[in-house]
Amino acid sequence: MSSDLNKMESRKMTYRVDGEFFIITFVDPKALNSLSGTDYLYLARLLQIADSMQSVSFTVLQSTGRFFSAGADISHIEQVQAAANKEASGMLGKWLSEFASRNVFVTHTFATHSKILVCCLNGPAVGLTAALVMLCDIVYSMNDDVYLLFPFANLALVTEGALSLTLPLKLGYNVAHEILMFSKPVTYQQLIDKVIVRNYNFSDPETFNTQVISDLHEKTEGLHHDSFLNMKELLKRPLLSELKRANIDEVADAMKYWVQSLPQQRFQEIGSKKRKHKF
């Protein structure tokens, strides 16, 4: 694939190519597929590789276990905070590299991805990963137990992943306000026909993932594949500058909280069971 890709590793995801489908799978169900900053970078790098492959038309995100992804890996945040306390650049320098530049890059990579982004939602998605789900072009659900959670107010943060644009665009302005202000989960009933386009009504992620790929092969047979990418570009064109603006604004506004160590404290409270996400 790429020498760059070989230099990066993530035990939390695998990838394979099946015809015109570049398939990325989260494979750490014991940790609910939570992702560190390095994992998010690796995910974005995989999208770049898929983008560069002429034979690929679709990038498919799949997962394993009970959760699609529980969002940020708390242990990684604690490690970064400890390093920030020791480095000469301090909080600002460390979190500029660990949060600001990373989030800008990951979100930009998703927002500008030229292939059709398909998400196979086998369970809940939380935080930045849930925001990335909102950037996908087609979302399928395994069953009606799935939900998205954006607990940014509970974590002393603001929206990430261009969510300040995608959430009101897809669910409505007032609904987005209530979801974000009160850290309410976005239920299957709110997502169906607005974000989720089909519910497979399965109970096993492996069966679900296999069936989606089989269906995609069948649906795309005989179609002109260049049309897929051209139509995506036309659909995305009016939104692209706004997605880029939202990405930069969100990261810039969040930096003050990281420098004050407010999210770090709240992540630590969640890790020690002193704080819970609201439901």
C-alpha atoms as a PDB file:
ATOM      1  CA  MET A   1       0.000   0.000   0.000  1.00  0.00           C
ATOM      2  CA  SER A   2       2.402   2.658   1.244  1.00  0.00           C
ATOM      3  CA  SER A   3       5.710   2.876   3.107  1.00  0.00           C
ATOM      4  CA  ASP A   4       4.162   5.636   5.231  1.00  0.00           C
ATOM      5  CA  LEU A   5       1.344   3.302   6.269  1.00  0.00           C
ATOM      6  CA  ASN A   6       3.816   0.602   7.223  1.00  0.00           C
ATOM      7  CA  LYS A   7       5.472   3.024   9.661  1.00  0.00           C
ATOM      8  CA  MET A   8       2.176   3.565  11.478  1.00  0.00           C
ATOM      9  CA  GLU A   9       0.428   0.954  13.572  1.00  0.00           C
ATOM     10  CA  SER A  10      -2.846   0.565  15.415  1.00  0.00           C
ATOM     11  CA  ARG A  11      -3.857  -2.588  17.222  1.00  0.00           C
ATOM     12  CA  LYS A  12      -7.387  -1.169  17.263  1.00  0.00           C
ATOM     13  CA  MET A  13      -8.178  -1.400  13.567  1.00  0.00           C
ATOM     14  CA  THR A  14      -7.501  -3.469  10.477  1.00  0.00           C
ATOM     15  CA  TYR A  15      -8.044  -2.777   6.786  1.00  0.00           C
ATOM     16  CA  ARG A  16      -8.518  -4.781   3.601  1.00  0.00           C
ATOM     17  CA  VAL A  17      -9.512  -4.170  -0.003  1.00  0.00           C
ATOM     18  CA  ASP A  18     -12.402  -6.109  -1.514  1.00  0.00           C
ATOM     19  CA  GLY A  19     -12.853  -5.062  -5.114  1.00  0.00           C
ATOM     20  CA  GLU A  20     -13.764  -1.395  -5.097  1.00  0.00           C
ATOM     21  CA  PHE A  21     -14.365  -1.382  -1.327  1.00  0.00           C
ATOM     22  CA  PHE A  22     -11.652  -0.258   1.096  1.00  0.00           C
ATOM     23  CA  ILE A  23     -12.843  -1.726   4.406  1.00  0.00           C
ATOM     24  CA  ILE A  24     -11.632  -0.431   7.780  1.00  0.00           C
ATOM     25  CA  THR A  25     -12.674  -2.390  10.877  1.00  0.00           C
ATOM     26  CA  PHE A  26     -12.328  -1.437  14.548  1.00  0.00           C
ATOM     27  CA  VAL A  27     -11.143  -4.571  16.368  1.00  0.00           C
ATOM     28  CA  ASP A  28     -10.812  -3.700  20.063  1.00  0.00           C
ATOM     29  CA  PRO A  29     -14.229  -4.669  21.469  1.00  0.00           C
ATOM     30  CA  LYS A  30     -12.881  -5.157  25.021  1.00  0.00           C
ATOM     31  CA  ALA A  31     -12.123  -1.426  25.158  1.00  0.00           C
ATOM     32  CA  LEU A  32     -15.376  -0.649  23.312  1.00  0.00           C
ATOM     33  CA  ASN A  33     -13.233   0.390  20.338  1.00  0.00           C
ATOM     34  CA  SER A  34     -12.085   3.590  22.057  1.00  0.00           C
ATOM     35  CA  LEU A  35      -9.360   5.387  20.090  1.00  0.00           C
ATOM     36  CA  SER A  36      -6.224   7.259  21.097  1.00  0.00           C
ATOM     37  CA  GLY A  37      -4.943  10.311  19.250  1.00  0.00           C
ATOM     38  CA  THR A  38      -2.546   8.046  17.360  1.00  0.00           C
ATOM     39  CA  ASP A  39      -5.422   5.751  16.394  1.00  0.00           C
ATOM     40  CA  TYR A  40      -7.388   8.674  14.958  1.00  0.00           C
ATOM     41  CA  LEU A  41      -4.331   9.699  12.935  1.00  0.00           C
ATOM     42  CA  TYR A  42      -3.973   6.154  11.631  1.00  0.00           C
ATOM     43  CA  LEU A  43      -7.662   6.131  10.684  1.00  0.00           C
ATOM     44  CA  ALA A  44      -7.211   9.371   8.742  1.00  0.00           C
ATOM     45  CA  ARG A  45      -4.116   7.956   7.051  1.00  0.00           C
ATOM     46  CA  LEU A  46      -6.112   4.918   5.935  1.00  0.00           C
ATOM     47  CA  LEU A  47      -8.662   7.260   4.369  1.00  0.00           C
ATOM     48  CA  GLN A  48      -5.848   8.978   2.496  1.00  0.00           C
ATOM     49  CA  ILE A  49      -4.626   5.628   1.180  1.00  0.00           C
ATOM     50  CA  ALA A  50      -8.160   4.757   0.042  1.00  0.00           C
ATOM     51  CA  ASP A  51      -8.390   8.172  -1.632  1.00  0.00           C
ATOM     52  CA  SER A  52      -5.232   7.483  -3.629  1.00  0.00           C
ATOM     53  CA  MET A  53      -6.406   4.115  -4.999  1.00  0.00           C
ATOM     54  CA  GLN A  54      -8.063   4.456  -8.402  1.00  0.00           C
ATOM     55  CA  SER A  55      -9.722   1.057  -8.074  1.00  0.00           C
ATOM     56  CA  VAL A  56     -11.556   2.090  -4.881  1.00  0.00           C
ATOM     57  CA  SER A  57     -14.944   3.828  -4.976  1.00  0.00           C
ATOM     58  CA  PHE A  58     -16.146   3.193  -1.417  1.00  0.00           C
ATOM     59  CA  THR A  59     -14.488   3.465   1.992  1.00  0.00           C
ATOM     60  CA  VAL A  60     -16.417   1.336   4.486  1.00  0.00           C
ATOM     61  CA  LEU A  61     -16.139   1.729   8.268  1.00  0.00           C
ATOM     62  CA  GLN A  62     -17.085  -1.329  10.298  1.00  0.00           C
ATOM     63  CA  SER A  63     -16.656  -2.400  13.917  1.00  0.00           C
ATOM     64  CA  THR A  64     -16.880  -5.306  16.350  1.00  0.00           C
ATOM     65  CA  GLY A  65     -18.490  -6.004  19.708  1.00  0.00           C
ATOM     66  CA  ARG A  66     -21.111  -3.917  21.537  1.00  0.00           C
ATOM     67  CA  PHE A  67     -19.912  -0.429  20.538  1.00  0.00           C
ATOM     68  CA  PHE A  68     -18.994   1.066  17.212  1.00  0.00           C
ATOM     69  CA  SER A  69     -16.587   3.262  19.204  1.00  0.00           C
ATOM     70  CA  ALA A  70     -16.656   4.706  22.720  1.00  0.00           C
ATOM     71  CA  GLY A  71     -14.685   7.726  21.530  1.00  0.00           C
ATOM     72  CA  ALA A  72     -11.467   8.927  23.145  1.00  0.00           C
ATOM     73  CA  ASP A  73      -9.169   6.510  24.956  1.00  0.00           C
ATOM     74  CA  ILE A  74      -8.998   8.013  28.470  1.00  0.00           C
ATOM     75  CA  SER A  75      -5.639   6.433  29.279  1.00  0.00           C
ATOM     76  CA  HIS A  76      -4.042   8.207  26.321  1.00  0.00           C
ATOM     77  CA  ILE A  77      -5.338  11.592  27.514  1.00  0.00           C
ATOM     78  CA  GLU A  78      -3.807  10.964  30.940  1.00  0.00           C
ATOM     79  CA  GLN A  79      -0.451  10.148  29.325  1.00  0.00           C
ATOM     80  CA  VAL A  80      -0.491  13.339  27.263  1.00  0.00           C
ATOM     81  CA  GLN A  81      -1.387  15.439  30.302  1.00  0.00           C
ATOM     82  CA  ALA A  82       1.509  13.955  32.271  1.00  0.00           C
ATOM     83  CA  ALA A  83       3.884  14.769  29.417  1.00  0.00           C
ATOM     84  CA  ALA A  84       2.520  18.314  29.151  1.00  0.00           C
ATOM     85  CA  ASN A  85       3.351  18.922  32.808  1.00  0.00           C
ATOM     86  CA  LYS A  86       7.007  18.117  32.082  1.00  0.00           C
ATOM     87  CA  GLU A  87       7.600  19.767  28.712  1.00  0.00           C
ATOM     88  CA  ALA A  88       8.942  23.265  28.254  1.00  0.00           C
ATOM     89  CA  SER A  89       6.165  24.103  25.801  1.00  0.00           C
ATOM     90  CA  GLY A  90       3.651  23.427  28.578  1.00  0.00           C
ATOM     91  CA  MET A  91      -0.061  22.963  28.130  1.00  0.00           C
ATOM     92  CA  LEU A  92      -0.438  25.179  25.068  1.00  0.00           C
ATOM     93  CA  GLY A  93       2.327  23.579  23.033  1.00  0.00           C
ATOM     94  CA  LYS A  94       1.459  20.015  23.978  1.00  0.00           C
ATOM     95  CA  TRP A  95      -2.268  20.285  23.348  1.00  0.00           C
ATOM     96  CA  LEU A  96      -1.720  22.218  20.108  1.00  0.00           C
ATOM     97  CA  SER A  97       0.058  19.129  18.799  1.00  0.00           C
ATOM     98  CA  GLU A  98      -2.032  16.460  20.542  1.00  0.00           C
ATOM     99  CA  PHE A  99      -5.472  18.011  20.058  1.00  0.00           C
ATOM    100  CA  ALA A 100      -5.605  20.986  17.707  1.00  0.00           C
ATOM    101  CA  SER A 101      -3.483  19.829  14.781  1.00  0.00           C
ATOM    102  CA  ARG A 102      -4.738  16.240  15.059  1.00  0.00           C
ATOM    103  CA  ASN A 103      -8.435  17.150  15.113  1.00  0.00           C
ATOM    104  CA  VAL A 104      -8.046  19.577  12.227  1.00  0.00           C
ATOM    105  CA  PHE A 105      -6.260  16.907  10.164  1.00  0.00           C
ATOM    106  CA  VAL A 106      -8.652  14.049  10.975  1.00  0.00           C
ATOM    107  CA  THR A 107     -11.818  16.082  10.406  1.00  0.00           C
ATOM    108  CA  HIS A 108     -10.430  17.652   7.220  1.00  0.00           C
ATOM    109  CA  THR A 109      -9.536  14.200   5.893  1.00  0.00           C
ATOM    110  CA  PHE A 110     -13.080  12.930   6.485  1.00  0.00           C
ATOM    111  CA  ALA A 111     -14.743  16.093   5.149  1.00  0.00           C
ATOM    112  CA  THR A 112     -12.706  16.116   1.929  1.00  0.00           C
ATOM    113  CA  HIS A 113     -12.619  12.348   1.315  1.00  0.00           C
ATOM    114  CA  SER A 114     -13.476  11.746  -2.345  1.00  0.00           C
ATOM    115  CA  LYS A 115     -14.729   8.157  -2.018  1.00  0.00           C
ATOM    116  CA  ILE A 116     -18.215   7.262  -0.805  1.00  0.00           C
ATOM    117  CA  LEU A 117     -17.971   6.946   2.985  1.00  0.00           C
ATOM    118  CA  VAL A 118     -20.149   4.121   4.305  1.00  0.00           C
ATOM    119  CA  CYS A 119     -20.577   3.558   8.051  1.00  0.00           C
ATOM    120  CA  CYS A 120     -21.837   0.216   9.398  1.00  0.00           C
ATOM    121  CA  LEU A 121     -23.110   1.216  12.831  1.00  0.00           C
ATOM    122  CA  ASN A 122     -23.138  -1.947  14.939  1.00  0.00           C
ATOM    123  CA  GLY A 123     -23.656  -0.097  18.237  1.00  0.00           C
ATOM    124  CA  PRO A 124     -23.261   3.273  19.961  1.00  0.00           C
ATOM    125  CA  ALA A 125     -20.677   5.821  18.863  1.00  0.00           C
ATOM    126  CA  VAL A 126     -19.409   8.538  21.210  1.00  0.00           C
ATOM    127  CA  GLY A 127     -17.563  11.845  20.947  1.00  0.00           C
ATOM    128  CA  LEU A 128     -15.305  12.547  17.999  1.00  0.00           C
ATOM    129  CA  THR A 129     -16.041   9.140  16.461  1.00  0.00           C
ATOM    130  CA  ALA A 130     -19.764   9.914  16.561  1.00  0.00           C
ATOM    131  CA  ALA A 131     -19.057  13.257  14.876  1.00  0.00           C
ATOM    132  CA  LEU A 132     -17.144  11.390  12.136  1.00  0.00           C
ATOM    133  CA  VAL A 133     -20.187   9.149  11.636  1.00  0.00           C
ATOM    134  CA  MET A 134     -22.130  12.332  10.880  1.00  0.00           C
ATOM    135  CA  LEU A 135     -19.612  13.072   8.101  1.00  0.00           C
ATOM    136  CA  CYS A 136     -20.292   9.732   6.386  1.00  0.00           C
ATOM    137  CA  ASP A 137     -22.341   9.636   3.187  1.00  0.00           C
ATOM    138  CA  ILE A 138     -24.308   6.444   3.902  1.00  0.00           C
ATOM    139  CA  VAL A 139     -24.993   4.987   7.366  1.00  0.00           C
ATOM    140  CA  TYR A 140     -26.477   1.551   8.019  1.00  0.00           C
ATOM    141  CA  SER A 141     -27.476   0.316  11.486  1.00  0.00           C
ATOM    142  CA  MET A 142     -27.251  -3.242  12.796  1.00  0.00           C
ATOM    143  CA  ASN A 143     -30.439  -2.800  14.867  1.00  0.00           C
ATOM    144  CA  ASP A 144     -32.439  -0.131  16.679  1.00  0.00           C
ATOM    145  CA  ASP A 145     -30.210  -0.221  19.799  1.00  0.00           C
ATOM    146  CA  VAL A 146     -27.655   2.081  18.183  1.00  0.00           C
ATOM    147  CA  TYR A 147     -27.256   5.698  19.263  1.00  0.00           C
ATOM    148  CA  LEU A 148     -24.828   8.603  18.969  1.00  0.00           C
ATOM    149  CA  LEU A 149     -23.611  10.514  22.013  1.00  0.00           C
ATOM    150  CA  PHE A 150     -21.937  13.927  21.921  1.00  0.00           C
ATOM    151  CA  PRO A 151     -20.977  14.489  25.597  1.00  0.00           C
ATOM    152  CA  PHE A 152     -18.964  17.654  24.994  1.00  0.00           C
ATOM    153  CA  ALA A 153     -20.734  19.766  27.632  1.00  0.00           C
ATOM    154  CA  ASN A 154     -20.118  17.001  30.168  1.00  0.00           C
ATOM    155  CA  LEU A 155     -16.426  17.063  29.244  1.00  0.00           C
ATOM    156  CA  ALA A 156     -15.992  20.868  29.341  1.00  0.00           C
ATOM    157  CA  LEU A 157     -15.526  20.954  25.573  1.00  0.00           C
ATOM    158  CA  VAL A 158     -17.278  22.184  22.440  1.00  0.00           C
ATOM    159  CA  THR A 159     -18.294  20.335  19.289  1.00  0.00           C
ATOM    160  CA  GLU A 160     -15.697  18.454  17.241  1.00  0.00           C
ATOM    161  CA  GLY A 161     -15.555  16.921  13.778  1.00  0.00           C
ATOM    162  CA  ALA A 162     -17.527  19.795  12.160  1.00  0.00           C
ATOM    163  CA  LEU A 163     -20.540  18.686  14.220  1.00  0.00           C
ATOM    164  CA  SER A 164     -21.647  22.307  14.668  1.00  0.00           C
ATOM    165  CA  LEU A 165     -22.581  22.146  10.978  1.00  0.00           C
ATOM    166  CA  THR A 166     -23.607  18.525  10.392  1.00  0.00           C
ATOM    167  CA  LEU A 167     -25.857  18.052  13.428  1.00  0.00           C
ATOM    168  CA  PRO A 168     -28.262  20.966  12.783  1.00  0.00           C
ATOM    169  CA  LEU A 169     -28.075  20.297   9.036  1.00  0.00           C
ATOM    170  CA  LYS A 170     -29.205  16.681   9.389  1.00  0.00           C
ATOM    171  CA  LEU A 171     -31.400  16.777  12.513  1.00  0.00           C
ATOM    172  CA  GLY A 172     -32.558  20.387  12.739  1.00  0.00           C
ATOM    173  CA  TYR A 173     -31.349  23.511  14.519  1.00  0.00           C
ATOM    174  CA  ASN A 174     -33.476  23.302  17.686  1.00  0.00           C
ATOM    175  CA  VAL A 175     -33.021  19.549  18.060  1.00  0.00           C
ATOM    176  CA  ALA A 176     -29.242  20.011  17.769  1.00  0.00           C
ATOM    177  CA  HIS A 177     -29.341  22.570  20.557  1.00  0.00           C
ATOM    178  CA  GLU A 178     -31.074  20.259  23.015  1.00  0.00           C
ATOM    179  CA  ILE A 179     -28.803  17.324  22.126  1.00  0.00           C
ATOM    180  CA  LEU A 180     -25.624  19.340  22.617  1.00  0.00           C
ATOM    181  CA  MET A 181     -26.596  21.526  25.585  1.00  0.00           C
ATOM    182  CA  PHE A 182     -27.793  18.615  27.713  1.00  0.00           C
ATOM    183  CA  SER A 183     -25.502  15.843  26.393  1.00  0.00           C
ATOM    184  CA  LYS A 184     -28.515  13.810  25.294  1.00  0.00           C
ATOM    185  CA  PRO A 185     -27.990  10.634  23.256  1.00  0.00           C
ATOM    186  CA  VAL A 186     -29.297  10.752  19.698  1.00  0.00           C
ATOM    187  CA  THR A 187     -31.589   7.749  19.518  1.00  0.00           C
ATOM    188  CA  TYR A 188     -32.241   5.423  16.609  1.00  0.00           C
ATOM    189  CA  GLN A 189     -35.679   6.991  16.170  1.00  0.00           C
ATOM    190  CA  GLN A 190     -34.062  10.405  15.700  1.00  0.00           C
ATOM    191  CA  LEU A 191     -31.456   9.024  13.306  1.00  0.00           C
ATOM    192  CA  ILE A 192     -33.533   6.831  11.002  1.00  0.00           C
ATOM    193  CA  ASP A 193     -34.229   8.383   7.594  1.00  0.00           C
ATOM    194  CA  LYS A 194     -32.103  11.413   8.513  1.00  0.00           C
ATOM    195  CA  VAL A 195     -28.712   9.833   9.166  1.00  0.00           C
ATOM    196  CA  ILE A 196     -29.362   6.073   9.097  1.00  0.00           C
ATOM    197  CA  VAL A 197     -30.729   4.961   5.724  1.00  0.00           C
ATOM    198  CA  ARG A 198     -31.391   1.296   6.565  1.00  0.00           C
ATOM    199  CA  ASN A 199     -31.767  -0.866   9.676  1.00  0.00           C
ATOM    200  CA  TYR A 200     -30.640  -4.464   9.134  1.00  0.00           C
ATOM    201  CA  ASN A 201     -32.235  -5.825  12.345  1.00  0.00           C
ATOM    202  CA  PHE A 202     -29.299  -8.131  13.098  1.00  0.00           C
ATOM    203  CA  SER A 203     -27.869  -9.085  16.492  1.00  0.00           C
ATOM    204  CA  ASP A 204     -24.400 -10.217  15.411  1.00  0.00           C
ATOM    205  CA  PRO A 205     -21.831  -7.667  14.129  1.00  0.00           C
ATOM    206  CA  GLU A 206     -19.975 -10.185  11.967  1.00  0.00           C
ATOM    207  CA  THR A 207     -23.167 -11.201  10.144  1.00  0.00           C
ATOM    208  CA  PHE A 208     -24.129  -7.540   9.781  1.00  0.00           C
ATOM    209  CA  ASN A 209     -20.747  -6.513   8.378  1.00  0.00           C
ATOM    210  CA  THR A 210     -20.665  -9.401   5.922  1.00  0.00           C
ATOM    211  CA  GLN A 211     -24.201  -8.718   4.697  1.00  0.00           C
ATOM    212  CA  VAL A 212     -23.538  -5.019   4.109  1.00  0.00           C
ATOM    213  CA  ILE A 213     -20.526  -5.768   1.901  1.00  0.00           C
ATOM    214  CA  SER A 214     -22.514  -8.409   0.011  1.00  0.00           C
ATOM    215  CA  ASP A 215     -25.367  -5.943  -0.536  1.00  0.00           C
ATOM    216  CA  LEU A 216     -22.981  -3.215  -1.691  1.00  0.00           C
ATOM    217  CA  HIS A 217     -21.470  -5.560  -4.277  1.00  0.00           C
ATOM    218  CA  GLU A 218     -24.953  -6.350  -5.562  1.00  0.00           C
ATOM    219  CA  LYS A 219     -26.159  -2.734  -5.566  1.00  0.00           C
ATOM    220  CA  THR A 220     -23.159  -1.432  -7.494  1.00  0.00           C
ATOM    221  CA  GLU A 221     -23.035  -4.179 -10.121  1.00  0.00           C
ATOM    222  CA  GLY A 222     -23.420  -2.803 -13.632  1.00  0.00           C
ATOM    223  CA  LEU A 223     -23.348   0.846 -12.556  1.00  0.00           C
ATOM    224  CA  HIS A 224     -20.902   3.434 -13.896  1.00  0.00           C
ATOM    225  CA  HIS A 225     -18.556   3.807 -10.949  1.00  0.00           C
ATOM    226  CA  ASP A 226     -17.039   7.149 -11.915  1.00  0.00           C
ATOM    227  CA  SER A 227     -20.539   8.578 -11.572  1.00  0.00           C
ATOM    228  CA  PHE A 228     -20.508   7.728  -7.831  1.00  0.00           C
ATOM    229  CA  LEU A 229     -17.531   9.948  -7.124  1.00  0.00           C
ATOM    230  CA  ASN A 230     -18.639  12.727  -9.451  1.00  0.00           C
ATOM    231  CA  MET A 231     -22.084  12.886  -7.832  1.00  0.00           C
ATOM    232  CA  LYS A 232     -20.601  12.891  -4.336  1.00  0.00           C
ATOM    233  CA  GLU A 233     -18.399  15.833  -5.320  1.00  0.00           C
ATOM    234  CA  LEU A 234     -21.435  17.720  -6.631  1.00  0.00           C
ATOM    235  CA  LEU A 235     -23.477  16.994  -3.501  1.00  0.00           C
ATOM    236  CA  LYS A 236     -20.627  18.028  -1.183  1.00  0.00           C
ATOM    237  CA  ARG A 237     -19.466  21.092  -3.130  1.00  0.00           C
ATOM    238  CA  PRO A 238     -21.902  23.612  -1.537  1.00  0.00           C
ATOM    239  CA  LEU A 239     -20.978  22.395   1.969  1.00  0.00           C
ATOM    240  CA  LEU A 240     -17.238  21.966   1.746  1.00  0.00           C
ATOM    241  CA  SER A 241     -16.143  25.492   2.654  1.00  0.00           C
ATOM    242  CA  GLU A 242     -18.561  25.511   5.597  1.00  0.00           C
ATOM    243  CA  LEU A 243     -17.243  22.150   6.827  1.00  0.00           C
ATOM    244  CA  LYS A 244     -13.697  23.487   6.710  1.00  0.00           C
ATOM    245  CA  ARG A 245     -14.723  26.656   8.567  1.00  0.00           C
ATOM    246  CA  ALA A 246     -16.567  24.688  11.256  1.00  0.00           C
ATOM    247  CA  ASN A 247     -13.539  22.440  11.742  1.00  0.00           C
ATOM    248  CA  ILE A 248     -11.171  25.359  12.370  1.00  0.00           C
ATOM    249  CA  ASP A 249     -13.624  27.262  14.572  1.00  0.00           C
ATOM    250  CA  GLU A 250     -14.332  24.232  16.771  1.00  0.00           C
ATOM    251  CA  VAL A 251     -10.668  23.448  17.370  1.00  0.00           C
ATOM    252  CA  ALA A 252      -9.756  27.079  18.056  1.00  0.00           C
ATOM    253  CA  ASP A 253     -12.606  27.510  20.528  1.00  0.00           C
ATOM    254  CA  ALA A 254     -11.753  24.265  22.357  1.00  0.00           C
ATOM    255  CA  MET A 255      -8.080  25.064  22.951  1.00  0.00           C
ATOM    256  CA  LYS A 256      -8.747  27.321  25.953  1.00  0.00           C
ATOM    257  CA  TYR A 257     -10.401  24.440  27.782  1.00  0.00           C
ATOM    258  CA  TRP A 258      -7.479  22.073  27.172  1.00  0.00           C
ATOM    259  CA  VAL A 259      -4.970  24.718  28.333  1.00  0.00           C
ATOM    260  CA  GLN A 260      -7.007  25.143  31.534  1.00  0.00           C
ATOM    261  CA  SER A 261      -6.986  21.325  31.990  1.00  0.00           C
ATOM    262  CA  LEU A 262     -10.771  21.204  32.282  1.00  0.00           C
ATOM    263  CA  PRO A 263     -11.442  18.286  29.882  1.00  0.00           C
ATOM    264  CA  GLN A 264      -8.500  16.375  31.355  1.00  0.00           C
ATOM    265  CA  GLN A 265     -10.032  16.609  34.829  1.00  0.00           C
ATOM    266  CA  ARG A 266     -13.396  15.422  33.585  1.00  0.00           C
ATOM    267  CA  PHE A 267     -11.941  12.520  31.630  1.00  0.00           C
ATOM    268  CA  GLN A 268     -10.111  11.519  34.799  1.00  0.00           C
ATOM    269  CA  GLU A 269     -13.385  11.650  36.742  1.00  0.00           C
ATOM    270  CA  ILE A 270     -15.030   9.399  34.154  1.00  0.00           C
ATOM    271  CA  GLY A 271     -12.114   6.984  34.310  1.00  0.00           C
ATOM    272  CA  SER A 272     -12.396   6.773  38.115  1.00  0.00           C
ATOM    273  CA  LYS A 273     -16.225   6.419  37.949  1.00  0.00           C
ATOM    274  CA  LYS A 274     -16.748   9.769  39.728  1.00  0.00           C
ATOM    275  CA  ARG A 275     -18.533  11.162  36.667  1.00  0.00           C
ATOM    276  CA  LYS A 276     -20.913   9.515  34.200  1.00  0.00           C
ATOM    277  CA  HIS A 277     -22.231  10.535  30.830  1.00  0.00           C
ATOM    278  CA  LYS A 278     -25.851  11.682  31.105  1.00  0.00           C
ATOM    279  CA  PHE A 279     -28.599   9.579  29.527  1.00  0.00           C
END
